mmCIF file of all heavy atoms, coordinates in Angstrom:
data_MODEL
# 
_entry.id   MODEL 
# 
loop_
_atom_site.group_PDB 
_atom_site.id 
_atom_site.type_symbol 
_atom_site.label_atom_id 
_atom_site.label_alt_id 
_atom_site.label_comp_id 
_atom_site.label_asym_id 
_atom_site.label_entity_id 
_atom_site.label_seq_id 
_atom_site.pdbx_PDB_ins_code 
_atom_site.Cartn_x 
_atom_site.Cartn_y 
_atom_site.Cartn_z 
_atom_site.occupancy 
_atom_site.B_iso_or_equiv 
_atom_site.pdbx_formal_charge 
_atom_site.auth_seq_id 
_atom_site.auth_comp_id 
_atom_site.auth_asym_id 
_atom_site.auth_atom_id 
_atom_site.pdbx_PDB_model_num 
ATOM 1   N N   . MET A 1 1  ? -4.251 12.805  8.538  1.00 0.00 ? 1  MET A N   1 
ATOM 2   C CA  . MET A 1 1  ? -4.658 11.400  8.142  1.00 0.00 ? 1  MET A CA  1 
ATOM 3   C C   . MET A 1 1  ? -3.407 10.505  8.486  1.00 0.00 ? 1  MET A C   1 
ATOM 4   O O   . MET A 1 1  ? -2.352 10.888  8.299  1.00 0.00 ? 1  MET A O   1 
ATOM 5   C CB  . MET A 1 1  ? -5.006 11.384  6.662  1.00 0.00 ? 1  MET A CB  1 
ATOM 6   C CG  . MET A 1 1  ? -6.125 12.291  6.265  1.00 0.00 ? 1  MET A CG  1 
ATOM 7   S SD  . MET A 1 1  ? -7.649 11.960  7.148  1.00 0.00 ? 1  MET A SD  1 
ATOM 8   C CE  . MET A 1 1  ? -7.996 10.324  6.611  1.00 0.00 ? 1  MET A CE  1 
ATOM 9   N N   . ALA A 1 2  ? -3.804 9.279   8.905  1.00 0.00 ? 2  ALA A N   1 
ATOM 10  C CA  . ALA A 1 2  ? -2.706 8.329   9.244  1.00 0.00 ? 2  ALA A CA  1 
ATOM 11  C C   . ALA A 1 2  ? -3.197 6.951   8.894  1.00 0.00 ? 2  ALA A C   1 
ATOM 12  O O   . ALA A 1 2  ? -4.337 6.723   8.562  1.00 0.00 ? 2  ALA A O   1 
ATOM 13  C CB  . ALA A 1 2  ? -2.359 8.378   10.628 1.00 0.00 ? 2  ALA A CB  1 
ATOM 14  N N   . TRP A 1 3  ? -2.263 6.055   8.738  1.00 0.00 ? 3  TRP A N   1 
ATOM 15  C CA  . TRP A 1 3  ? -2.449 4.621   8.588  1.00 0.00 ? 3  TRP A CA  1 
ATOM 16  C C   . TRP A 1 3  ? -1.888 3.910   9.765  1.00 0.00 ? 3  TRP A C   1 
ATOM 17  O O   . TRP A 1 3  ? -0.714 4.198   10.264 1.00 0.00 ? 3  TRP A O   1 
ATOM 18  C CB  . TRP A 1 3  ? -1.850 4.018   7.218  1.00 0.00 ? 3  TRP A CB  1 
ATOM 19  C CG  . TRP A 1 3  ? -2.614 4.494   6.098  1.00 0.00 ? 3  TRP A CG  1 
ATOM 20  C CD1 . TRP A 1 3  ? -2.271 5.577   5.203  1.00 0.00 ? 3  TRP A CD1 1 
ATOM 21  C CD2 . TRP A 1 3  ? -3.637 3.786   5.491  1.00 0.00 ? 3  TRP A CD2 1 
ATOM 22  N NE1 . TRP A 1 3  ? -3.274 5.577   4.140  1.00 0.00 ? 3  TRP A NE1 1 
ATOM 23  C CE2 . TRP A 1 3  ? -4.056 4.587   4.232  1.00 0.00 ? 3  TRP A CE2 1 
ATOM 24  C CE3 . TRP A 1 3  ? -4.474 2.649   5.818  1.00 0.00 ? 3  TRP A CE3 1 
ATOM 25  C CZ2 . TRP A 1 3  ? -5.121 4.179   3.475  1.00 0.00 ? 3  TRP A CZ2 1 
ATOM 26  C CZ3 . TRP A 1 3  ? -5.491 2.362   4.879  1.00 0.00 ? 3  TRP A CZ3 1 
ATOM 27  C CH2 . TRP A 1 3  ? -5.796 3.079   3.778  1.00 0.00 ? 3  TRP A CH2 1 
ATOM 28  N N   . TYR A 1 4  ? -2.675 2.950   10.290 1.00 0.00 ? 4  TYR A N   1 
ATOM 29  C CA  . TYR A 1 4  ? -2.171 2.023   11.237 1.00 0.00 ? 4  TYR A CA  1 
ATOM 30  C C   . TYR A 1 4  ? -2.290 0.618   10.815 1.00 0.00 ? 4  TYR A C   1 
ATOM 31  O O   . TYR A 1 4  ? -3.074 0.463   9.855  1.00 0.00 ? 4  TYR A O   1 
ATOM 32  C CB  . TYR A 1 4  ? -3.044 2.221   12.627 1.00 0.00 ? 4  TYR A CB  1 
ATOM 33  C CG  . TYR A 1 4  ? -2.662 3.442   13.491 1.00 0.00 ? 4  TYR A CG  1 
ATOM 34  C CD1 . TYR A 1 4  ? -3.015 4.722   13.049 1.00 0.00 ? 4  TYR A CD1 1 
ATOM 35  C CD2 . TYR A 1 4  ? -1.957 3.368   14.676 1.00 0.00 ? 4  TYR A CD2 1 
ATOM 36  C CE1 . TYR A 1 4  ? -2.690 5.846   13.773 1.00 0.00 ? 4  TYR A CE1 1 
ATOM 37  C CE2 . TYR A 1 4  ? -1.710 4.388   15.493 1.00 0.00 ? 4  TYR A CE2 1 
ATOM 38  C CZ  . TYR A 1 4  ? -2.090 5.682   14.973 1.00 0.00 ? 4  TYR A CZ  1 
ATOM 39  O OH  . TYR A 1 4  ? -1.707 6.768   15.764 1.00 0.00 ? 4  TYR A OH  1 
ATOM 40  N N   . ARG A 1 5  ? -1.720 -0.287  11.488 1.00 0.00 ? 5  ARG A N   1 
ATOM 41  C CA  . ARG A 1 5  ? -2.025 -1.705  11.193 1.00 0.00 ? 5  ARG A CA  1 
ATOM 42  C C   . ARG A 1 5  ? -1.958 -2.629  12.464 1.00 0.00 ? 5  ARG A C   1 
ATOM 43  O O   . ARG A 1 5  ? -1.270 -2.266  13.430 1.00 0.00 ? 5  ARG A O   1 
ATOM 44  C CB  . ARG A 1 5  ? -0.963 -2.267  10.175 1.00 0.00 ? 5  ARG A CB  1 
ATOM 45  C CG  . ARG A 1 5  ? 0.501  -2.254  10.717 1.00 0.00 ? 5  ARG A CG  1 
ATOM 46  C CD  . ARG A 1 5  ? 1.483  -2.579  9.574  1.00 0.00 ? 5  ARG A CD  1 
ATOM 47  N NE  . ARG A 1 5  ? 2.859  -2.691  10.042 1.00 0.00 ? 5  ARG A NE  1 
ATOM 48  C CZ  . ARG A 1 5  ? 3.939  -2.950  9.311  1.00 0.00 ? 5  ARG A CZ  1 
ATOM 49  N NH1 . ARG A 1 5  ? 3.675  -2.982  7.911  1.00 0.00 ? 5  ARG A NH1 1 
ATOM 50  N NH2 . ARG A 1 5  ? 5.155  -2.975  9.789  1.00 0.00 ? 5  ARG A NH2 1 
ATOM 51  N N   . GLN A 1 6  ? -2.637 -3.754  12.323 1.00 0.00 ? 6  GLN A N   1 
ATOM 52  C CA  . GLN A 1 6  ? -2.676 -4.683  13.464 1.00 0.00 ? 6  GLN A CA  1 
ATOM 53  C C   . GLN A 1 6  ? -2.529 -6.021  12.908 1.00 0.00 ? 6  GLN A C   1 
ATOM 54  O O   . GLN A 1 6  ? -3.326 -6.554  12.098 1.00 0.00 ? 6  GLN A O   1 
ATOM 55  C CB  . GLN A 1 6  ? -3.918 -4.419  14.240 1.00 0.00 ? 6  GLN A CB  1 
ATOM 56  C CG  . GLN A 1 6  ? -3.976 -5.327  15.435 1.00 0.00 ? 6  GLN A CG  1 
ATOM 57  C CD  . GLN A 1 6  ? -5.142 -4.891  16.410 1.00 0.00 ? 6  GLN A CD  1 
ATOM 58  O OE1 . GLN A 1 6  ? -6.119 -4.337  15.961 1.00 0.00 ? 6  GLN A OE1 1 
ATOM 59  N NE2 . GLN A 1 6  ? -4.994 -5.262  17.678 1.00 0.00 ? 6  GLN A NE2 1 
ATOM 60  N N   . SER A 1 7  ? -1.496 -6.681  13.412 1.00 0.00 ? 7  SER A N   1 
ATOM 61  C CA  . SER A 1 7  ? -1.210 -8.087  13.051 1.00 0.00 ? 7  SER A CA  1 
ATOM 62  C C   . SER A 1 7  ? -1.856 -8.977  14.115 1.00 0.00 ? 7  SER A C   1 
ATOM 63  O O   . SER A 1 7  ? -2.071 -8.564  15.224 1.00 0.00 ? 7  SER A O   1 
ATOM 64  C CB  . SER A 1 7  ? 0.303  -8.364  12.930 1.00 0.00 ? 7  SER A CB  1 
ATOM 65  O OG  . SER A 1 7  ? 0.868  -7.471  12.033 1.00 0.00 ? 7  SER A OG  1 
ATOM 66  N N   . ALA A 1 8  ? -2.035 -10.235 13.769 1.00 0.00 ? 8  ALA A N   1 
ATOM 67  C CA  . ALA A 1 8  ? -2.624 -11.250 14.575 1.00 0.00 ? 8  ALA A CA  1 
ATOM 68  C C   . ALA A 1 8  ? -1.855 -11.291 15.895 1.00 0.00 ? 8  ALA A C   1 
ATOM 69  O O   . ALA A 1 8  ? -0.598 -11.445 15.899 1.00 0.00 ? 8  ALA A O   1 
ATOM 70  C CB  . ALA A 1 8  ? -2.691 -12.545 13.936 1.00 0.00 ? 8  ALA A CB  1 
ATOM 71  N N   . GLY A 1 9  ? -2.512 -11.120 17.013 1.00 0.00 ? 9  GLY A N   1 
ATOM 72  C CA  . GLY A 1 9  ? -1.871 -11.204 18.323 1.00 0.00 ? 9  GLY A CA  1 
ATOM 73  C C   . GLY A 1 9  ? -1.014 -10.120 18.787 1.00 0.00 ? 9  GLY A C   1 
ATOM 74  O O   . GLY A 1 9  ? -0.374 -10.137 19.890 1.00 0.00 ? 9  GLY A O   1 
ATOM 75  N N   . LYS A 1 10 ? -0.966 -8.989  18.021 1.00 0.00 ? 10 LYS A N   1 
ATOM 76  C CA  . LYS A 1 10 ? -0.324 -7.835  18.366 1.00 0.00 ? 10 LYS A CA  1 
ATOM 77  C C   . LYS A 1 10 ? -1.153 -6.567  18.540 1.00 0.00 ? 10 LYS A C   1 
ATOM 78  O O   . LYS A 1 10 ? -2.392 -6.534  18.000 1.00 0.00 ? 10 LYS A O   1 
ATOM 79  C CB  . LYS A 1 10 ? 0.787  -7.567  17.206 1.00 0.00 ? 10 LYS A CB  1 
ATOM 80  C CG  . LYS A 1 10 ? 1.842  -8.569  17.153 1.00 0.00 ? 10 LYS A CG  1 
ATOM 81  C CD  . LYS A 1 10 ? 2.931  -8.255  16.176 1.00 0.00 ? 10 LYS A CD  1 
ATOM 82  C CE  . LYS A 1 10 ? 3.956  -9.361  15.988 1.00 0.00 ? 10 LYS A CE  1 
ATOM 83  N NZ  . LYS A 1 10 ? 4.985  -9.094  15.025 1.00 0.00 ? 10 LYS A NZ  1 
ATOM 84  N N   . GLU A 1 11 ? -0.557 -5.625  19.090 1.00 0.00 ? 11 GLU A N   1 
ATOM 85  C CA  . GLU A 1 11 ? -1.356 -4.283  19.257 1.00 0.00 ? 11 GLU A CA  1 
ATOM 86  C C   . GLU A 1 11 ? -1.358 -3.571  17.970 1.00 0.00 ? 11 GLU A C   1 
ATOM 87  O O   . GLU A 1 11 ? -0.386 -3.741  17.226 1.00 0.00 ? 11 GLU A O   1 
ATOM 88  C CB  . GLU A 1 11 ? -0.757 -3.416  20.419 1.00 0.00 ? 11 GLU A CB  1 
ATOM 89  C CG  . GLU A 1 11 ? -0.909 -4.139  21.802 1.00 0.00 ? 11 GLU A CG  1 
ATOM 90  C CD  . GLU A 1 11 ? -0.616 -3.215  22.916 1.00 0.00 ? 11 GLU A CD  1 
ATOM 91  O OE1 . GLU A 1 11 ? -0.117 -2.113  22.637 1.00 0.00 ? 11 GLU A OE1 1 
ATOM 92  O OE2 . GLU A 1 11 ? -0.790 -3.593  24.052 1.00 0.00 ? 11 GLU A OE2 1 
ATOM 93  N N   . ARG A 1 12 ? -2.303 -2.615  17.771 1.00 0.00 ? 12 ARG A N   1 
ATOM 94  C CA  . ARG A 1 12 ? -2.279 -1.761  16.679 1.00 0.00 ? 12 ARG A CA  1 
ATOM 95  C C   . ARG A 1 12 ? -1.093 -0.879  16.691 1.00 0.00 ? 12 ARG A C   1 
ATOM 96  O O   . ARG A 1 12 ? -0.755 -0.336  17.743 1.00 0.00 ? 12 ARG A O   1 
ATOM 97  C CB  . ARG A 1 12 ? -3.584 -1.018  16.613 1.00 0.00 ? 12 ARG A CB  1 
ATOM 98  C CG  . ARG A 1 12 ? -3.902 -0.246  15.337 1.00 0.00 ? 12 ARG A CG  1 
ATOM 99  C CD  . ARG A 1 12 ? -5.306 0.386   15.358 1.00 0.00 ? 12 ARG A CD  1 
ATOM 100 N NE  . ARG A 1 12 ? -6.290 -0.677  15.432 1.00 0.00 ? 12 ARG A NE  1 
ATOM 101 C CZ  . ARG A 1 12 ? -7.605 -0.398  15.304 1.00 0.00 ? 12 ARG A CZ  1 
ATOM 102 N NH1 . ARG A 1 12 ? -8.039 0.808   15.048 1.00 0.00 ? 12 ARG A NH1 1 
ATOM 103 N NH2 . ARG A 1 12 ? -8.605 -1.363  15.419 1.00 0.00 ? 12 ARG A NH2 1 
ATOM 104 N N   . GLU A 1 13 ? -0.418 -0.777  15.522 1.00 0.00 ? 13 GLU A N   1 
ATOM 105 C CA  . GLU A 1 13 ? 0.719  0.083   15.545 1.00 0.00 ? 13 GLU A CA  1 
ATOM 106 C C   . GLU A 1 13 ? 0.607  1.148   14.439 1.00 0.00 ? 13 GLU A C   1 
ATOM 107 O O   . GLU A 1 13 ? 0.081  0.921   13.350 1.00 0.00 ? 13 GLU A O   1 
ATOM 108 C CB  . GLU A 1 13 ? 1.976  -0.729  15.265 1.00 0.00 ? 13 GLU A CB  1 
ATOM 109 C CG  . GLU A 1 13 ? 2.085  -1.511  13.913 1.00 0.00 ? 13 GLU A CG  1 
ATOM 110 C CD  . GLU A 1 13 ? 3.443  -2.130  13.644 1.00 0.00 ? 13 GLU A CD  1 
ATOM 111 O OE1 . GLU A 1 13 ? 4.350  -1.881  14.422 1.00 0.00 ? 13 GLU A OE1 1 
ATOM 112 O OE2 . GLU A 1 13 ? 3.511  -2.860  12.722 1.00 0.00 ? 13 GLU A OE2 1 
ATOM 113 N N   . TRP A 1 14 ? 1.246  2.321   14.574 1.00 0.00 ? 14 TRP A N   1 
ATOM 114 C CA  . TRP A 1 14 ? 1.227  3.421   13.679 1.00 0.00 ? 14 TRP A CA  1 
ATOM 115 C C   . TRP A 1 14 ? 2.077  3.067   12.455 1.00 0.00 ? 14 TRP A C   1 
ATOM 116 O O   . TRP A 1 14 ? 3.216  2.475   12.655 1.00 0.00 ? 14 TRP A O   1 
ATOM 117 C CB  . TRP A 1 14 ? 1.752  4.600   14.310 1.00 0.00 ? 14 TRP A CB  1 
ATOM 118 C CG  . TRP A 1 14 ? 2.044  5.811   13.481 1.00 0.00 ? 14 TRP A CG  1 
ATOM 119 C CD1 . TRP A 1 14 ? 1.182  6.488   12.753 1.00 0.00 ? 14 TRP A CD1 1 
ATOM 120 C CD2 . TRP A 1 14 ? 3.355  6.306   13.174 1.00 0.00 ? 14 TRP A CD2 1 
ATOM 121 N NE1 . TRP A 1 14 ? 1.706  7.492   12.025 1.00 0.00 ? 14 TRP A NE1 1 
ATOM 122 C CE2 . TRP A 1 14 ? 3.063  7.412   12.328 1.00 0.00 ? 14 TRP A CE2 1 
ATOM 123 C CE3 . TRP A 1 14 ? 4.576  6.036   13.559 1.00 0.00 ? 14 TRP A CE3 1 
ATOM 124 C CZ2 . TRP A 1 14 ? 4.140  8.141   11.767 1.00 0.00 ? 14 TRP A CZ2 1 
ATOM 125 C CZ3 . TRP A 1 14 ? 5.673  6.727   13.138 1.00 0.00 ? 14 TRP A CZ3 1 
ATOM 126 C CH2 . TRP A 1 14 ? 5.414  7.766   12.200 1.00 0.00 ? 14 TRP A CH2 1 
ATOM 127 N N   . VAL A 1 15 ? 1.732  3.476   11.255 1.00 0.00 ? 15 VAL A N   1 
ATOM 128 C CA  . VAL A 1 15 ? 2.537  3.166   10.067 1.00 0.00 ? 15 VAL A CA  1 
ATOM 129 C C   . VAL A 1 15 ? 3.082  4.481   9.427  1.00 0.00 ? 15 VAL A C   1 
ATOM 130 O O   . VAL A 1 15 ? 4.147  4.651   9.245  1.00 0.00 ? 15 VAL A O   1 
ATOM 131 C CB  . VAL A 1 15 ? 1.679  2.431   9.033  1.00 0.00 ? 15 VAL A CB  1 
ATOM 132 C CG1 . VAL A 1 15 ? 2.416  2.250   7.706  1.00 0.00 ? 15 VAL A CG1 1 
ATOM 133 C CG2 . VAL A 1 15 ? 1.269  1.084   9.550  1.00 0.00 ? 15 VAL A CG2 1 
ATOM 134 N N   . ALA A 1 16 ? 2.105  5.412   9.202  1.00 0.00 ? 16 ALA A N   1 
ATOM 135 C CA  . ALA A 1 16 ? 2.483  6.741   8.587  1.00 0.00 ? 16 ALA A CA  1 
ATOM 136 C C   . ALA A 1 16 ? 1.372  7.777   8.830  1.00 0.00 ? 16 ALA A C   1 
ATOM 137 O O   . ALA A 1 16 ? 0.288  7.432   8.978  1.00 0.00 ? 16 ALA A O   1 
ATOM 138 C CB  . ALA A 1 16 ? 2.626  6.489   7.050  1.00 0.00 ? 16 ALA A CB  1 
ATOM 139 N N   . THR A 1 17 ? 1.839  8.980   8.772  1.00 0.00 ? 17 THR A N   1 
ATOM 140 C CA  . THR A 1 17 ? 0.890  10.077  8.910  1.00 0.00 ? 17 THR A CA  1 
ATOM 141 C C   . THR A 1 17 ? 1.159  11.095  7.747  1.00 0.00 ? 17 THR A C   1 
ATOM 142 O O   . THR A 1 17 ? 2.377  11.365  7.373  1.00 0.00 ? 17 THR A O   1 
ATOM 143 C CB  . THR A 1 17 ? 1.114  10.788  10.182 1.00 0.00 ? 17 THR A CB  1 
ATOM 144 O OG1 . THR A 1 17 ? 0.898  9.773   11.336 1.00 0.00 ? 17 THR A OG1 1 
ATOM 145 C CG2 . THR A 1 17 ? 0.244  12.037  10.375 1.00 0.00 ? 17 THR A CG2 1 
ATOM 146 N N   . ILE A 1 18 ? 0.114  11.745  7.345  1.00 0.00 ? 18 ILE A N   1 
ATOM 147 C CA  . ILE A 1 18 ? 0.298  12.919  6.455  1.00 0.00 ? 18 ILE A CA  1 
ATOM 148 C C   . ILE A 1 18 ? -0.564 13.964  7.043  1.00 0.00 ? 18 ILE A C   1 
ATOM 149 O O   . ILE A 1 18 ? -1.812 13.812  7.196  1.00 0.00 ? 18 ILE A O   1 
ATOM 150 C CB  . ILE A 1 18 ? -0.128 12.617  4.924  1.00 0.00 ? 18 ILE A CB  1 
ATOM 151 C CG1 . ILE A 1 18 ? 0.139  13.870  4.154  1.00 0.00 ? 18 ILE A CG1 1 
ATOM 152 C CG2 . ILE A 1 18 ? -1.553 11.983  4.816  1.00 0.00 ? 18 ILE A CG2 1 
ATOM 153 C CD1 . ILE A 1 18 ? 0.247  13.570  2.581  1.00 0.00 ? 18 ILE A CD1 1 
ATOM 154 N N   . SER A 1 19 ? -0.062 15.242  7.290  1.00 0.00 ? 19 SER A N   1 
ATOM 155 C CA  . SER A 1 19 ? -0.742 16.212  8.040  1.00 0.00 ? 19 SER A CA  1 
ATOM 156 C C   . SER A 1 19 ? -1.550 16.993  7.045  1.00 0.00 ? 19 SER A C   1 
ATOM 157 O O   . SER A 1 19 ? -1.548 16.764  5.818  1.00 0.00 ? 19 SER A O   1 
ATOM 158 C CB  . SER A 1 19 ? 0.255  17.147  8.661  1.00 0.00 ? 19 SER A CB  1 
ATOM 159 O OG  . SER A 1 19 ? 0.918  18.004  7.730  1.00 0.00 ? 19 SER A OG  1 
ATOM 160 N N   . SER A 1 20 ? -2.343 17.938  7.543  1.00 0.00 ? 20 SER A N   1 
ATOM 161 C CA  . SER A 1 20 ? -3.198 18.739  6.691  1.00 0.00 ? 20 SER A CA  1 
ATOM 162 C C   . SER A 1 20 ? -2.399 19.646  5.661  1.00 0.00 ? 20 SER A C   1 
ATOM 163 O O   . SER A 1 20 ? -2.905 20.020  4.702  1.00 0.00 ? 20 SER A O   1 
ATOM 164 C CB  . SER A 1 20 ? -4.068 19.679  7.533  1.00 0.00 ? 20 SER A CB  1 
ATOM 165 O OG  . SER A 1 20 ? -3.294 20.494  8.358  1.00 0.00 ? 20 SER A OG  1 
ATOM 166 N N   . VAL A 1 21 ? -1.105 19.809  6.044  1.00 0.00 ? 21 VAL A N   1 
ATOM 167 C CA  . VAL A 1 21 ? -0.240 20.595  5.163  1.00 0.00 ? 21 VAL A CA  1 
ATOM 168 C C   . VAL A 1 21 ? 0.683  19.766  4.399  1.00 0.00 ? 21 VAL A C   1 
ATOM 169 O O   . VAL A 1 21 ? 1.914  20.085  3.996  1.00 0.00 ? 21 VAL A O   1 
ATOM 170 C CB  . VAL A 1 21 ? 0.572  21.640  5.957  1.00 0.00 ? 21 VAL A CB  1 
ATOM 171 C CG1 . VAL A 1 21 ? -0.478 22.709  6.486  1.00 0.00 ? 21 VAL A CG1 1 
ATOM 172 C CG2 . VAL A 1 21 ? 1.344  21.098  7.141  1.00 0.00 ? 21 VAL A CG2 1 
ATOM 173 N N   . HIS A 1 22 ? 0.415  18.484  4.358  1.00 0.00 ? 22 HIS A N   1 
ATOM 174 C CA  . HIS A 1 22 ? 1.168  17.385  3.530  1.00 0.00 ? 22 HIS A CA  1 
ATOM 175 C C   . HIS A 1 22 ? 2.460  17.054  4.077  1.00 0.00 ? 22 HIS A C   1 
ATOM 176 O O   . HIS A 1 22 ? 3.325  16.478  3.359  1.00 0.00 ? 22 HIS A O   1 
ATOM 177 C CB  . HIS A 1 22 ? 1.254  17.859  2.047  1.00 0.00 ? 22 HIS A CB  1 
ATOM 178 C CG  . HIS A 1 22 ? -0.022 18.037  1.335  1.00 0.00 ? 22 HIS A CG  1 
ATOM 179 N ND1 . HIS A 1 22 ? -0.283 17.196  0.265  1.00 0.00 ? 22 HIS A ND1 1 
ATOM 180 C CD2 . HIS A 1 22 ? -1.111 18.752  1.504  1.00 0.00 ? 22 HIS A CD2 1 
ATOM 181 C CE1 . HIS A 1 22 ? -1.552 17.438  -0.127 1.00 0.00 ? 22 HIS A CE1 1 
ATOM 182 N NE2 . HIS A 1 22 ? -2.051 18.428  0.600  1.00 0.00 ? 22 HIS A NE2 1 
ATOM 183 N N   . LYS A 1 23 ? 2.778  17.230  5.440  1.00 0.00 ? 23 LYS A N   1 
ATOM 184 C CA  . LYS A 1 23 ? 3.912  16.785  5.983  1.00 0.00 ? 23 LYS A CA  1 
ATOM 185 C C   . LYS A 1 23 ? 3.780  15.342  6.321  1.00 0.00 ? 23 LYS A C   1 
ATOM 186 O O   . LYS A 1 23 ? 2.776  14.919  6.821  1.00 0.00 ? 23 LYS A O   1 
ATOM 187 C CB  . LYS A 1 23 ? 4.302  17.541  7.180  1.00 0.00 ? 23 LYS A CB  1 
ATOM 188 C CG  . LYS A 1 23 ? 5.518  17.065  8.034  1.00 0.00 ? 23 LYS A CG  1 
ATOM 189 C CD  . LYS A 1 23 ? 5.770  17.862  9.289  1.00 0.00 ? 23 LYS A CD  1 
ATOM 190 C CE  . LYS A 1 23 ? 7.058  17.482  9.944  1.00 0.00 ? 23 LYS A CE  1 
ATOM 191 N NZ  . LYS A 1 23 ? 7.080  15.992  10.345 1.00 0.00 ? 23 LYS A NZ  1 
ATOM 192 N N   . THR A 1 24 ? 4.835  14.437  5.966  1.00 0.00 ? 24 THR A N   1 
ATOM 193 C CA  . THR A 1 24 ? 4.705  13.010  6.129  1.00 0.00 ? 24 THR A CA  1 
ATOM 194 C C   . THR A 1 24 ? 5.653  12.507  7.144  1.00 0.00 ? 24 THR A C   1 
ATOM 195 O O   . THR A 1 24 ? 6.745  13.034  7.393  1.00 0.00 ? 24 THR A O   1 
ATOM 196 C CB  . THR A 1 24 ? 4.893  12.352  4.754  1.00 0.00 ? 24 THR A CB  1 
ATOM 197 O OG1 . THR A 1 24 ? 6.214  12.655  4.222  1.00 0.00 ? 24 THR A OG1 1 
ATOM 198 C CG2 . THR A 1 24 ? 3.858  12.680  3.753  1.00 0.00 ? 24 THR A CG2 1 
ATOM 199 N N   . ASP A 1 25 ? 5.294  11.485  7.803  1.00 0.00 ? 25 ASP A N   1 
ATOM 200 C CA  . ASP A 1 25 ? 6.093  10.743  8.808  1.00 0.00 ? 25 ASP A CA  1 
ATOM 201 C C   . ASP A 1 25 ? 5.854  9.391   8.669  1.00 0.00 ? 25 ASP A C   1 
ATOM 202 O O   . ASP A 1 25 ? 4.738  8.877   8.362  1.00 0.00 ? 25 ASP A O   1 
ATOM 203 C CB  . ASP A 1 25 ? 5.854  11.157  10.253 1.00 0.00 ? 25 ASP A CB  1 
ATOM 204 C CG  . ASP A 1 25 ? 6.340  12.558  10.577 1.00 0.00 ? 25 ASP A CG  1 
ATOM 205 O OD1 . ASP A 1 25 ? 7.626  12.787  10.470 1.00 0.00 ? 25 ASP A OD1 1 
ATOM 206 O OD2 . ASP A 1 25 ? 5.539  13.501  10.713 1.00 0.00 ? 25 ASP A OD2 1 
ATOM 207 N N   . TYR A 1 26 ? 6.830  8.538   8.890  1.00 0.00 ? 26 TYR A N   1 
ATOM 208 C CA  . TYR A 1 26 ? 6.771  7.038   8.642  1.00 0.00 ? 26 TYR A CA  1 
ATOM 209 C C   . TYR A 1 26 ? 7.463  6.301   9.756  1.00 0.00 ? 26 TYR A C   1 
ATOM 210 O O   . TYR A 1 26 ? 8.456  6.734   10.456 1.00 0.00 ? 26 TYR A O   1 
ATOM 211 C CB  . TYR A 1 26 ? 7.430  6.551   7.441  1.00 0.00 ? 26 TYR A CB  1 
ATOM 212 C CG  . TYR A 1 26 ? 6.929  7.158   6.137  1.00 0.00 ? 26 TYR A CG  1 
ATOM 213 C CD1 . TYR A 1 26 ? 7.419  8.346   5.689  1.00 0.00 ? 26 TYR A CD1 1 
ATOM 214 C CD2 . TYR A 1 26 ? 5.932  6.521   5.409  1.00 0.00 ? 26 TYR A CD2 1 
ATOM 215 C CE1 . TYR A 1 26 ? 6.914  9.093   4.396  1.00 0.00 ? 26 TYR A CE1 1 
ATOM 216 C CE2 . TYR A 1 26 ? 5.343  7.122   4.329  1.00 0.00 ? 26 TYR A CE2 1 
ATOM 217 C CZ  . TYR A 1 26 ? 5.851  8.276   3.832  1.00 0.00 ? 26 TYR A CZ  1 
ATOM 218 O OH  . TYR A 1 26 ? 5.305  8.804   2.633  1.00 0.00 ? 26 TYR A OH  1 
# 
């Protein structure tokens, strides 16, 4: 699972991920 975000006038960007085994990246 992950979160992305998109600001006005910008491309969608990755924010954070949590894997199926709970490993996180930011």
